[in-house]
Each structure stands twice: as C-alpha cells, then as structure tokens.
Amino acid sequence: MKQEDVTLISCSVCGERYRTGSAKIVGSRNNSLIVHIHCGSCYSSTLTIISKNSTGENTMTMGMLTDLSYNEAVESMNMRAIDADEVLDIIEETR
C-alpha cells in the first residue's frame, strides 16, 4: 500500500474537504498504513489506520484526533512500548 492509494474526503471536525498533500504516511505494517492527516481549514490533525479489506479496497479501520505534529508522530513510532508494570506504577504514583 502506498501514499497514492489513499483517497481522502473531508475533515471529521469541520467538514471541509482535505487539501492535496494533507496526508503523510507515518509508518506501515503488513497491509496497513498509519497516516497523519492535517486539516488546513481548522488545523486539527488525526492519526488514521488505513487497511485493504478482503476485496482489495482501502478501508479506514481507526482514526483519532491528535495534537502530535507529523514529525512527533514519526518519532513516536520508534519509541519503546511500555509494559503493564509501568502502567501500574503510573497509576500508583497518581493516587
């Protein structure tokens, strides 16, 4: 799957059509792309996972609003995942 396989329609926040170049690939895994999409109208950004379904069509499988820039999103892809013990430590520290 490549950048040119991604077709965008409109921003989920303001409804404006995305401009050409508003989507940048952050990473890829298997048959999916992780894409950072920035709206030039309302300045919101989303991280979206786009996969190919069984018929070969592109399907958005998950999208979420983010305050990460494209560069920050790329950096976060290379970070080490936290484990369950670290999550529990954080919960204990915030009590």
Protein backbone atom coordinates (compact mmCIF):
# COMPACT_ATOMS: atom_id res chain seq x y z
CA MET A 1 0.00 0.00 0.00
CA LYS A 2 1.39 3.40 -0.98
CA GLN A 3 0.57 7.08 -0.42
CA GLU A 4 -1.21 7.32 -3.79
CA ASP A 5 -3.57 4.53 -2.64
CA VAL A 6 -5.06 6.89 -0.02
CA THR A 7 -8.13 8.89 -1.01
CA LEU A 8 -9.33 11.49 1.50
CA ILE A 9 -12.67 13.21 1.51
CA SER A 10 -13.31 15.64 4.36
CA CYS A 11 -12.27 16.60 7.88
CA SER A 12 -14.28 14.92 10.62
CA VAL A 13 -14.02 18.07 12.77
CA CYS A 14 -15.04 20.90 10.42
CA GLY A 15 -16.33 19.04 7.36
CA GLU A 16 -14.07 20.87 4.89
CA ARG A 17 -12.53 18.84 2.07
CA TYR A 18 -8.91 17.91 2.70
CA ARG A 19 -6.36 19.65 0.52
CA THR A 20 -3.86 17.79 -1.63
CA GLY A 21 -0.83 16.87 0.45
CA SER A 22 -2.66 16.95 3.79
CA ALA A 23 -1.95 13.25 4.41
CA LYS A 24 1.53 11.94 5.15
CA ILE A 25 2.47 8.34 5.86
CA VAL A 26 3.86 7.90 9.37
CA GLY A 27 4.53 4.18 9.02
CA SER A 28 3.28 0.92 7.63
CA ARG A 29 2.71 -2.57 8.94
CA ASN A 30 1.55 -5.59 6.96
CA ASN A 31 -1.21 -4.35 4.67
CA SER A 32 -1.94 -1.13 6.61
CA LEU A 33 -0.74 2.46 6.59
CA ILE A 34 -0.60 4.79 9.58
CA VAL A 35 -1.35 8.24 8.18
CA HIS A 36 -1.12 11.71 9.77
CA ILE A 37 -3.79 13.98 8.26
CA HIS A 38 -3.76 17.73 8.90
CA CYS A 39 -6.75 19.93 8.07
CA GLY A 40 -5.71 23.27 6.60
CA SER A 41 -9.07 24.83 7.49
CA CYS A 42 -9.49 24.10 11.22
CA TYR A 43 -5.89 22.97 11.89
CA SER A 44 -6.96 19.70 13.52
CA SER A 45 -4.91 16.56 12.94
CA THR A 46 -5.78 12.88 13.00
CA LEU A 47 -3.81 9.67 13.04
CA THR A 48 -5.62 7.13 10.90
CA ILE A 49 -5.00 3.48 10.12
CA ILE A 50 -5.95 2.59 6.56
CA SER A 51 -6.05 -1.07 5.55
CA LYS A 52 -7.01 -3.06 2.50
CA ASN A 53 -10.09 -5.24 3.04
CA SER A 54 -10.58 -8.74 1.61
CA THR A 55 -11.76 -7.30 -1.74
CA GLY A 56 -8.64 -5.13 -2.04
CA GLU A 57 -10.40 -1.82 -1.33
CA ASN A 58 -8.94 0.72 1.12
CA THR A 59 -10.84 0.96 4.39
CA MET A 60 -10.29 3.30 7.35
CA THR A 61 -10.13 0.99 10.33
CA MET A 62 -9.45 3.56 13.03
CA GLY A 63 -8.92 7.30 13.28
CA MET A 64 -8.28 9.54 16.28
CA LEU A 65 -7.71 13.23 16.85
CA THR A 66 -4.18 14.07 17.89
CA ASP A 67 -2.13 17.05 18.96
CA LEU A 68 1.01 15.42 17.54
CA SER A 69 2.70 17.01 14.57
CA TYR A 70 3.72 14.74 11.70
CA ASN A 71 7.34 14.69 12.97
CA GLU A 72 6.25 13.84 16.52
CA ALA A 73 4.08 11.02 15.17
CA VAL A 74 7.05 9.59 13.25
CA GLU A 75 9.22 9.81 16.39
CA SER A 76 6.58 8.03 18.48
CA MET A 77 6.60 5.08 16.07
CA ASN A 78 10.20 4.37 17.11
CA MET A 79 9.61 4.58 20.86
CA ARG A 80 9.67 1.55 23.10
CA ALA A 81 6.26 0.30 24.22
CA ILE A 82 5.53 0.49 27.95
CA ASP A 83 4.71 -2.71 29.80
CA ALA A 84 1.91 -3.47 32.28
CA ASP A 85 4.14 -2.91 35.33
CA GLU A 86 4.98 0.60 34.16
CA VAL A 87 1.27 1.37 33.74
CA LEU A 88 0.57 0.14 37.27
CA ASP A 89 3.47 2.26 38.61
CA ILE A 90 1.99 5.36 36.97
CA ILE A 91 -1.44 4.62 38.47
CA GLU A 92 0.09 4.22 41.94
CA GLU A 93 2.06 7.46 41.62
CA THR A 94 -1.05 9.45 40.70
CA ARG A 95 -3.13 8.31 43.66
